[in-house]
Amino acid sequence: MIPTTFGDMTQSLSFGRHNARLKSTLTTLSQEVTTGQARNKVRHLGGNVTALAAMEKSLELATDRKGLAQTTAALLAGKQSIVLDISHRTEQVALEAMRLELDTDPAAIKRTMDSFADAFSGVVRSLNTRFGERTLFAGTRGDGPALAQPEAILDALVSDLPVPLDPSALSGLVEAWFAPASGFDSLAYLGGAPVPAPIDLGHGAEINLTTTAQDRAVRKTLAALATGAVLTRELPGLGPAEHRAIIHQSSLPLKSASQGLLDLSARLGVAEERAATASSRAEAERTSLSIALTELLAVDPYESASKLEQVMSQLDMIYAITARLSRLRLADYLR
């Protein structure tokens, strides 16, 4: 009978399988020693992964809530920045209109009219600002602009004014054109309705994104600026004296518009604070869950290091035996 020797294929395969298992164990233990976390979660928890699954799901939800809160806060900050820009433009024009009360120079009147027109165009452009792929003040139709181009709006407004035009009625006519269900809504506003459902940021925190270019404060601002801007169109029957009187009449609507913008800014500020609070709460929850998850999967570093040393010793032994056997010759075997 031929005896079984270390040169048999069976023994070779046995060595190979044992070597592969040790290498796999070495990789696992090396990672555990480095990270302090169990690589095989199921084995570490004894097959009871219910708590692990619940914790990982809660961590995922907290991360999503934090991302949503941060995005919402950034969106609100963008709106706030635009409102502040509009408010600044309105205040500057109001100051110029007040200074014109003491100046009857036709050139000064022309400059003030141009300031109204420039401010109107700037406000319209600001209201068409996009945040990523969404127009901030366009409501549910955020894939396009909130308003038509400034020149197109003024053209539509002028075409709806009666002829001949009573200078004392211009301010009221313009304000009526910008009122709800009037020319502004049908010809100038291109956005959609306000976003109907509030954004749920978790833990009872909800934020409504209902502010569009149809907001009352925005309408009043656009109307006050448009009253002076249409004067640059050289309306029939209106000269420097009428222009100066109309601009003077626009001072009060501009001041009222500034107050409305201040109120709008305050509402946005409250929403910003709520979004920031929700983000902080979600971050605290996420951090807490991350710590708990780390503790659940933590391994004993001393035990893992000890096992790692044992595995390395076994591998060294296998390599030494394999190297020794590979150098055997027939004469050495028969000796």
Protein backbone atom coordinates (compact mmCIF):
# COMPACT_ATOMS: atom_id res chain seq x y z
CA MET A 1 0.00 0.00 0.00
CA ILE A 2 1.26 3.45 -0.89
CA PRO A 3 1.22 5.63 2.24
CA THR A 4 -0.42 9.05 2.29
CA THR A 5 2.26 11.73 2.17
CA PHE A 6 2.47 15.52 2.40
CA GLY A 7 2.90 15.53 -1.35
CA ASP A 8 -0.59 14.20 -1.99
CA MET A 9 -3.08 16.47 -3.71
CA THR A 10 -5.48 16.02 -0.76
CA GLN A 11 -3.00 17.45 1.67
CA SER A 12 -2.17 20.27 -0.74
CA LEU A 13 -5.82 21.24 -1.04
CA SER A 14 -6.22 21.09 2.73
CA PHE A 15 -3.30 23.45 3.17
CA GLY A 16 -4.77 25.77 0.53
CA ARG A 17 -8.19 25.94 2.19
CA HIS A 18 -6.70 26.49 5.60
CA ASN A 19 -4.43 29.18 4.23
CA ALA A 20 -7.38 30.96 2.54
CA ARG A 21 -9.39 30.89 5.78
CA LEU A 22 -6.50 32.34 7.74
CA LYS A 23 -5.99 35.09 5.18
CA SER A 24 -9.69 35.99 5.31
CA THR A 25 -9.56 36.05 9.11
CA LEU A 26 -6.40 38.16 8.97
CA THR A 27 -8.14 40.73 6.74
CA THR A 28 -11.16 40.85 9.06
CA LEU A 29 -9.09 41.20 12.23
CA SER A 30 -6.81 43.82 10.64
CA GLN A 31 -9.83 45.94 9.76
CA GLU A 32 -11.34 45.51 13.22
CA VAL A 33 -8.08 46.49 14.93
CA THR A 34 -7.82 49.56 12.68
CA THR A 35 -11.44 50.75 12.88
CA GLY A 36 -12.52 49.29 16.21
CA GLN A 37 -15.71 48.08 14.50
CA ALA A 38 -16.90 44.56 13.79
CA ARG A 39 -16.63 43.66 10.13
CA ASN A 40 -19.19 40.87 10.30
CA LYS A 41 -22.12 42.67 11.89
CA VAL A 42 -24.44 39.66 11.98
CA ARG A 43 -21.92 37.42 13.74
CA HIS A 44 -20.95 40.20 16.16
CA LEU A 45 -24.60 40.68 17.18
CA GLY A 46 -25.30 36.97 17.40
CA GLY A 47 -27.78 37.14 14.53
CA ASN A 48 -30.03 39.67 16.30
CA VAL A 49 -29.88 42.59 13.86
CA THR A 50 -33.26 44.17 14.68
CA ALA A 51 -31.75 46.98 16.74
CA LEU A 52 -29.04 47.51 14.13
CA ALA A 53 -31.57 47.81 11.28
CA ALA A 54 -33.74 50.24 13.26
CA MET A 55 -30.72 52.35 14.20
CA GLU A 56 -29.41 52.49 10.63
CA LYS A 57 -32.86 53.47 9.32
CA SER A 58 -33.17 56.23 11.93
CA LEU A 59 -29.69 57.47 11.03
CA GLU A 60 -30.63 57.58 7.34
CA LEU A 61 -33.80 59.53 8.11
CA ALA A 62 -31.93 61.99 10.34
CA THR A 63 -29.37 62.55 7.59
CA ASP A 64 -32.13 63.17 5.05
CA ARG A 65 -33.89 65.60 7.40
CA LYS A 66 -30.68 67.50 7.94
CA GLY A 67 -30.08 67.78 4.19
CA LEU A 68 -33.66 68.94 3.59
CA ALA A 69 -33.43 71.51 6.38
CA GLN A 70 -30.15 72.86 5.03
CA THR A 71 -31.55 73.11 1.50
CA THR A 72 -34.67 74.84 2.77
CA ALA A 73 -32.60 77.26 4.84
CA ALA A 74 -30.45 78.07 1.80
CA LEU A 75 -33.58 78.64 -0.31
CA LEU A 76 -35.04 80.96 2.33
CA ALA A 77 -31.71 82.79 2.61
CA GLY A 78 -31.81 83.32 -1.15
CA LYS A 79 -35.31 84.78 -0.91
CA GLN A 80 -34.26 86.96 2.00
CA SER A 81 -31.31 88.29 0.04
CA ILE A 82 -33.59 89.20 -2.87
CA VAL A 83 -36.10 90.96 -0.62
CA LEU A 84 -33.30 92.97 0.97
CA ASP A 85 -32.01 93.92 -2.48
CA ILE A 86 -35.49 95.03 -3.56
CA SER A 87 -35.91 96.97 -0.33
CA HIS A 88 -32.59 98.76 -0.89
CA ARG A 89 -33.53 99.72 -4.46
CA THR A 90 -36.93 100.99 -3.31
CA GLU A 91 -35.44 103.12 -0.55
CA GLN A 92 -32.91 104.66 -2.93
CA VAL A 93 -35.63 105.64 -5.40
CA ALA A 94 -37.79 107.01 -2.57
CA LEU A 95 -34.92 109.27 -1.50
CA GLU A 96 -34.48 110.55 -5.06
CA ALA A 97 -38.21 111.23 -5.31
CA MET A 98 -38.09 113.22 -2.07
CA ARG A 99 -35.11 115.26 -3.26
CA LEU A 100 -37.02 116.14 -6.43
CA GLU A 101 -39.52 118.09 -4.35
CA LEU A 102 -36.88 120.81 -4.03
CA ASP A 103 -35.67 120.64 -7.63
CA THR A 104 -37.63 121.69 -10.70
CA ASP A 105 -34.77 121.21 -13.17
CA PRO A 106 -36.02 119.11 -16.14
CA ALA A 107 -32.69 117.22 -16.16
CA ALA A 108 -33.18 116.23 -12.51
CA ILE A 109 -36.73 115.11 -13.29
CA LYS A 110 -35.41 112.99 -16.18
CA ARG A 111 -32.75 111.40 -13.96
CA THR A 112 -35.36 110.52 -11.35
CA MET A 113 -37.64 108.97 -13.98
CA ASP A 114 -34.70 106.90 -15.22
CA SER A 115 -33.99 105.83 -11.64
CA PHE A 116 -37.57 104.54 -11.35
CA ALA A 117 -37.17 102.60 -14.59
CA ASP A 118 -33.78 101.16 -13.60
CA ALA A 119 -35.08 100.15 -10.19
CA PHE A 120 -38.16 98.52 -11.74
CA SER A 121 -35.99 96.50 -14.13
CA GLY A 122 -33.64 95.53 -11.30
CA VAL A 123 -36.51 94.35 -9.10
CA VAL A 124 -37.99 92.23 -11.90
CA ARG A 125 -34.60 90.64 -12.57
CA SER A 126 -34.14 89.92 -8.86
CA LEU A 127 -37.55 88.24 -8.70
CA ASN A 128 -36.45 85.98 -11.58
CA THR A 129 -33.41 84.77 -9.65
CA ARG A 130 -32.93 80.99 -9.73
CA PHE A 131 -31.77 78.69 -6.94
CA GLY A 132 -30.30 75.68 -8.68
CA GLU A 133 -32.99 74.58 -11.13
CA ARG A 134 -35.77 76.51 -9.42
CA THR A 135 -36.92 80.13 -9.68
CA LEU A 136 -37.36 81.34 -6.12
CA PHE A 137 -40.48 83.49 -6.56
CA ALA A 138 -42.28 81.44 -9.24
CA GLY A 139 -44.26 79.15 -6.92
CA THR A 140 -45.16 75.73 -8.31
CA ARG A 141 -43.92 76.67 -11.79
CA GLY A 142 -40.34 77.10 -10.73
CA ASP A 143 -38.78 75.78 -13.93
CA GLY A 144 -39.29 79.13 -15.65
CA PRO A 145 -39.13 82.87 -14.81
CA ALA A 146 -41.51 84.37 -12.29
CA LEU A 147 -42.10 87.52 -14.33
CA ALA A 148 -41.96 88.64 -17.92
CA GLN A 149 -39.16 90.94 -19.01
CA PRO A 150 -39.34 94.49 -17.56
CA GLU A 151 -39.89 96.14 -20.93
CA ALA A 152 -42.68 93.72 -21.79
CA ILE A 153 -44.43 94.44 -18.49
CA LEU A 154 -44.22 98.21 -18.99
CA ASP A 155 -45.45 97.84 -22.58
CA ALA A 156 -48.47 95.86 -21.37
CA LEU A 157 -49.15 98.40 -18.63
CA VAL A 158 -48.93 101.41 -20.97
CA SER A 159 -51.22 99.73 -23.52
CA ASP A 160 -53.90 99.36 -20.82
CA LEU A 161 -53.76 103.01 -19.75
CA PRO A 162 -56.63 105.21 -21.01
CA VAL A 163 -56.10 107.98 -23.55
CA PRO A 164 -56.15 110.84 -22.81
CA LEU A 165 -54.54 110.19 -19.46
CA ASP A 166 -55.41 112.14 -16.33
CA PRO A 167 -52.07 112.70 -14.53
CA SER A 168 -53.73 112.67 -11.13
CA ALA A 169 -55.23 109.24 -11.85
CA LEU A 170 -52.05 107.55 -13.06
CA SER A 171 -50.95 106.26 -9.66
CA GLY A 172 -54.35 104.68 -8.99
CA LEU A 173 -54.53 103.15 -12.47
CA VAL A 174 -51.10 101.56 -12.11
CA GLU A 175 -51.90 100.25 -8.65
CA ALA A 176 -55.14 98.72 -9.98
CA TRP A 177 -53.21 97.06 -12.82
CA PHE A 178 -50.94 95.34 -10.29
CA ALA A 179 -53.84 94.28 -8.05
CA PRO A 180 -54.92 90.59 -7.88
CA ALA A 181 -56.85 89.26 -10.90
CA SER A 182 -55.77 92.22 -13.06
CA GLY A 183 -53.27 92.87 -15.83
CA PHE A 184 -50.27 91.91 -13.72
CA ASP A 185 -51.55 88.39 -13.09
CA SER A 186 -52.57 87.75 -16.69
CA LEU A 187 -49.75 89.49 -18.56
CA ALA A 188 -46.75 89.86 -16.25
CA TYR A 189 -46.72 86.97 -13.78
CA LEU A 190 -45.48 83.75 -15.42
CA GLY A 191 -45.10 81.59 -12.32
CA GLY A 192 -47.54 79.23 -10.69
CA ALA A 193 -49.56 79.12 -7.52
CA PRO A 194 -47.82 79.13 -4.12
CA VAL A 195 -46.43 75.75 -3.06
CA PRO A 196 -49.50 74.26 -1.35
CA ALA A 197 -47.98 71.73 1.05
CA PRO A 198 -45.59 72.81 3.81
CA ILE A 199 -42.15 71.21 3.96
CA ASP A 200 -41.95 68.75 6.83
CA LEU A 201 -38.56 69.01 8.53
CA GLY A 202 -39.39 66.47 11.22
CA HIS A 203 -40.27 66.69 14.91
CA GLY A 204 -43.26 68.90 14.15
CA ALA A 205 -41.29 71.57 12.26
CA GLU A 206 -43.03 72.68 9.07
CA ILE A 207 -42.22 75.58 6.75
CA ASN A 208 -44.53 77.09 4.14
CA LEU A 209 -42.91 78.35 0.94
CA THR A 210 -45.87 80.45 -0.17
CA THR A 211 -44.04 83.65 -1.11
CA THR A 212 -44.15 84.35 -4.84
CA ALA A 213 -43.88 87.45 -7.02
CA GLN A 214 -47.64 87.81 -6.44
CA ASP A 215 -47.09 88.63 -2.78
CA ARG A 216 -48.89 91.80 -1.68
CA ALA A 217 -45.63 93.53 -0.70
CA VAL A 218 -44.08 92.72 -4.07
CA ARG A 219 -47.13 93.97 -5.97
CA LYS A 220 -47.10 97.30 -4.10
CA THR A 221 -43.39 97.73 -4.74
CA LEU A 222 -43.67 97.00 -8.45
CA ALA A 223 -46.68 99.32 -8.75
CA ALA A 224 -44.91 102.20 -7.01
CA LEU A 225 -41.82 101.83 -9.19
CA ALA A 226 -43.82 101.32 -12.38
CA THR A 227 -45.68 104.60 -11.77
CA GLY A 228 -42.43 106.49 -12.28
CA ALA A 229 -41.02 104.05 -14.85
CA VAL A 230 -43.87 104.52 -17.36
CA LEU A 231 -43.06 108.25 -17.49
CA THR A 232 -39.96 107.36 -19.53
CA ARG A 233 -42.37 106.27 -22.31
CA GLU A 234 -43.31 109.92 -22.99
CA LEU A 235 -47.02 109.50 -22.45
CA PRO A 236 -49.10 112.01 -24.48
CA GLY A 237 -50.07 115.15 -22.64
CA LEU A 238 -47.52 114.79 -19.84
CA GLY A 239 -44.71 117.31 -19.51
CA PRO A 240 -42.04 118.02 -16.86
CA ALA A 241 -44.53 119.59 -14.47
CA GLU A 242 -46.85 116.57 -14.64
CA HIS A 243 -43.87 114.21 -14.36
CA ARG A 244 -42.69 116.00 -11.23
CA ALA A 245 -46.16 115.88 -9.68
CA ILE A 246 -46.57 112.16 -10.43
CA ILE A 247 -43.17 111.34 -8.97
CA HIS A 248 -44.06 113.35 -5.89
CA GLN A 249 -47.27 111.33 -5.57
CA SER A 250 -45.19 108.12 -5.76
CA SER A 251 -43.30 108.95 -2.57
CA LEU A 252 -46.05 107.69 -0.25
CA PRO A 253 -46.60 104.39 -2.14
CA LEU A 254 -42.84 103.82 -2.06
CA LYS A 255 -42.74 104.30 1.71
CA SER A 256 -45.71 101.94 2.11
CA ALA A 257 -43.96 99.41 -0.13
CA SER A 258 -40.82 99.61 1.99
CA GLN A 259 -42.86 98.76 5.10
CA GLY A 260 -44.45 95.83 3.30
CA LEU A 261 -41.02 94.54 2.27
CA LEU A 262 -39.87 94.85 5.88
CA ASP A 263 -42.80 92.70 7.00
CA LEU A 264 -42.02 90.15 4.27
CA SER A 265 -38.39 90.06 5.36
CA ALA A 266 -39.50 89.42 8.94
CA ARG A 267 -41.68 86.48 7.85
CA LEU A 268 -38.81 84.98 5.91
CA GLY A 269 -36.52 85.50 8.90
CA VAL A 270 -38.83 83.51 11.14
CA ALA A 271 -38.91 80.68 8.60
CA GLU A 272 -35.10 80.81 8.30
CA GLU A 273 -34.75 80.45 12.06
CA ARG A 274 -37.09 77.45 12.12
CA ALA A 275 -35.14 75.78 9.30
CA ALA A 276 -31.84 76.39 11.12
CA THR A 277 -33.29 74.95 14.32
CA ALA A 278 -34.55 71.88 12.46
CA SER A 279 -31.11 71.42 10.88
CA SER A 280 -29.40 71.63 14.28
CA ARG A 281 -31.88 69.18 15.78
CA ALA A 282 -31.37 66.72 12.93
CA GLU A 283 -27.58 67.03 13.25
CA ALA A 284 -27.76 66.35 17.00
CA GLU A 285 -29.95 63.31 16.36
CA ARG A 286 -27.62 62.07 13.65
CA THR A 287 -24.58 62.47 15.89
CA SER A 288 -26.29 60.65 18.75
CA LEU A 289 -27.30 57.77 16.51
CA SER A 290 -23.82 57.55 15.00
CA ILE A 291 -22.28 57.25 18.46
CA ALA A 292 -24.83 54.60 19.48
CA LEU A 293 -24.21 52.65 16.27
CA THR A 294 -20.46 52.80 16.82
CA GLU A 295 -20.86 51.48 20.35
CA LEU A 296 -23.17 48.68 19.17
CA LEU A 297 -20.61 47.40 16.66
CA ALA A 298 -17.52 48.10 18.77
CA VAL A 299 -15.04 45.25 19.31
CA ASP A 300 -12.54 44.69 22.11
CA PRO A 301 -9.27 46.05 20.66
CA TYR A 302 -7.12 43.88 22.93
CA GLU A 303 -9.00 40.71 22.03
CA SER A 304 -8.85 41.52 18.31
CA ALA A 305 -5.13 42.29 18.51
CA SER A 306 -4.50 39.01 20.34
CA LYS A 307 -6.43 37.02 17.73
CA LEU A 308 -4.62 38.87 14.95
CA GLU A 309 -1.27 37.88 16.42
CA GLN A 310 -2.37 34.23 16.64
CA VAL A 311 -3.51 34.18 13.02
CA MET A 312 -0.24 35.75 11.87
CA SER A 313 1.68 33.09 13.80
CA GLN A 314 -0.35 30.32 12.17
CA LEU A 315 0.25 31.79 8.73
CA ASP A 316 3.96 32.05 9.41
CA MET A 317 3.96 28.39 10.46
CA ILE A 318 2.12 27.28 7.29
CA TYR A 319 4.50 29.27 5.09
CA ALA A 320 7.48 27.77 6.91
CA ILE A 321 6.17 24.19 6.56
CA THR A 322 5.28 24.74 2.90
CA ALA A 323 8.72 26.17 2.16
CA ARG A 324 10.41 23.27 3.91
CA LEU A 325 8.34 20.64 2.11
CA SER A 326 8.97 22.29 -1.24
CA ARG A 327 12.71 21.73 -0.74
CA LEU A 328 12.40 17.96 -0.01
CA ARG A 329 14.13 15.60 -2.40
CA LEU A 330 13.54 11.85 -2.92
CA ALA A 331 16.82 11.05 -1.20
CA ASP A 332 15.81 13.11 1.82
CA TYR A 333 12.39 11.40 1.93
CA LEU A 334 13.91 7.87 1.77
CA ARG A 335 16.55 8.63 4.36
